[in-house]
Amino acid sequence: MASEVRTGLESGTSLFRRLVEGCPDAIVVADRQGIVRFWNTGAEATFGHSSAEAMGQSLDIIIPERLRQRHWIGYDAAMAC
């Protein structure tokens, strides 16, 4: 029974990953410090950076210089909750 549940969860996770990775909308996940941890093909098309370029980088790669200070104030406040 446990192996069937595990197989079902793995199958669901695999389906979820394929759906998210192939979604035409940009999906970007960043950690509490604003470091990119997930970047799908929609994000590649939207922002012009490959996943390999974006992973492990600061969100600054997609935030215009003039907006970064305000962005980080809001980001830090949201992460503090």
Protein backbone atom coordinates (compact mmCIF):
# COMPACT_ATOMS: atom_id res chain seq x y z
CA MET A 1 0.00 0.00 0.00
CA ALA A 2 2.76 2.47 0.94
CA SER A 3 4.59 1.86 -2.34
CA GLU A 4 1.35 2.49 -4.26
CA VAL A 5 0.86 5.78 -2.43
CA ARG A 6 4.49 6.75 -3.07
CA THR A 7 4.16 5.87 -6.77
CA GLY A 8 0.97 7.92 -6.98
CA LEU A 9 2.63 10.90 -5.31
CA GLU A 10 5.67 10.63 -7.57
CA SER A 11 3.42 10.45 -10.60
CA GLY A 12 1.46 13.50 -9.43
CA THR A 13 4.67 15.39 -8.73
CA SER A 14 5.99 14.51 -12.17
CA LEU A 15 2.76 15.70 -13.82
CA PHE A 16 2.80 18.91 -11.79
CA ARG A 17 6.43 19.59 -12.73
CA ARG A 18 5.73 19.01 -16.44
CA LEU A 19 2.70 21.33 -16.33
CA VAL A 20 4.57 24.11 -14.52
CA GLU A 21 7.74 23.83 -16.58
CA GLY A 22 5.82 23.89 -19.85
CA CYS A 23 3.37 26.64 -18.88
CA PRO A 24 3.54 29.61 -21.27
CA ASP A 25 3.14 32.00 -18.31
CA ALA A 26 6.26 33.03 -16.43
CA ILE A 27 6.58 31.13 -13.14
CA VAL A 28 9.48 32.23 -10.97
CA VAL A 29 10.09 30.99 -7.44
CA ALA A 30 12.56 32.77 -5.18
CA ASP A 31 13.67 32.02 -1.64
CA ARG A 32 13.48 34.42 1.33
CA GLN A 33 16.65 36.17 0.20
CA GLY A 34 15.30 36.75 -3.32
CA ILE A 35 17.44 34.09 -4.98
CA VAL A 36 15.80 32.36 -7.95
CA ARG A 37 15.12 28.68 -7.18
CA PHE A 38 12.74 27.86 -10.07
CA TRP A 39 12.43 29.40 -13.55
CA ASN A 40 10.17 27.86 -16.19
CA THR A 41 10.12 28.15 -19.98
CA GLY A 42 7.49 30.90 -19.74
CA ALA A 43 9.93 32.94 -17.65
CA GLU A 44 12.62 32.30 -20.27
CA ALA A 45 10.34 33.70 -22.98
CA THR A 46 9.12 36.62 -20.86
CA PHE A 47 12.40 37.80 -19.37
CA GLY A 48 14.91 36.60 -21.97
CA HIS A 49 17.12 34.65 -19.56
CA SER A 50 17.51 30.89 -19.71
CA SER A 51 16.83 28.81 -16.64
CA ALA A 52 20.56 28.09 -16.39
CA GLU A 53 21.30 31.83 -16.37
CA ALA A 54 18.60 32.68 -13.82
CA MET A 55 18.91 29.86 -11.29
CA GLY A 56 20.83 30.97 -8.22
CA GLN A 57 20.75 34.63 -9.24
CA SER A 58 19.08 37.53 -7.44
CA LEU A 59 15.65 38.67 -8.60
CA ASP A 60 17.51 41.82 -9.62
CA ILE A 61 17.94 40.19 -13.04
CA ILE A 62 14.28 40.98 -13.75
CA ILE A 63 13.79 44.14 -11.66
CA PRO A 64 14.68 47.39 -13.43
CA GLU A 65 17.46 49.27 -11.64
CA ARG A 66 15.23 52.26 -10.87
CA LEU A 67 12.65 50.03 -9.13
CA ARG A 68 14.97 47.77 -7.14
CA GLN A 69 15.05 49.72 -3.88
CA ARG A 70 11.26 49.88 -3.67
CA HIS A 71 10.96 46.24 -4.76
CA TRP A 72 13.28 45.03 -1.99
CA ILE A 73 11.48 47.09 0.66
CA GLY A 74 8.22 45.38 -0.30
CA TYR A 75 9.82 41.96 -0.74
CA ASP A 76 11.50 42.10 2.66
CA ALA A 77 8.24 43.21 4.30
CA ALA A 78 6.34 40.35 2.65
CA MET A 79 8.96 37.78 3.67
CA ALA A 80 8.88 39.00 7.29
CA CYS A 81 5.22 37.94 7.68
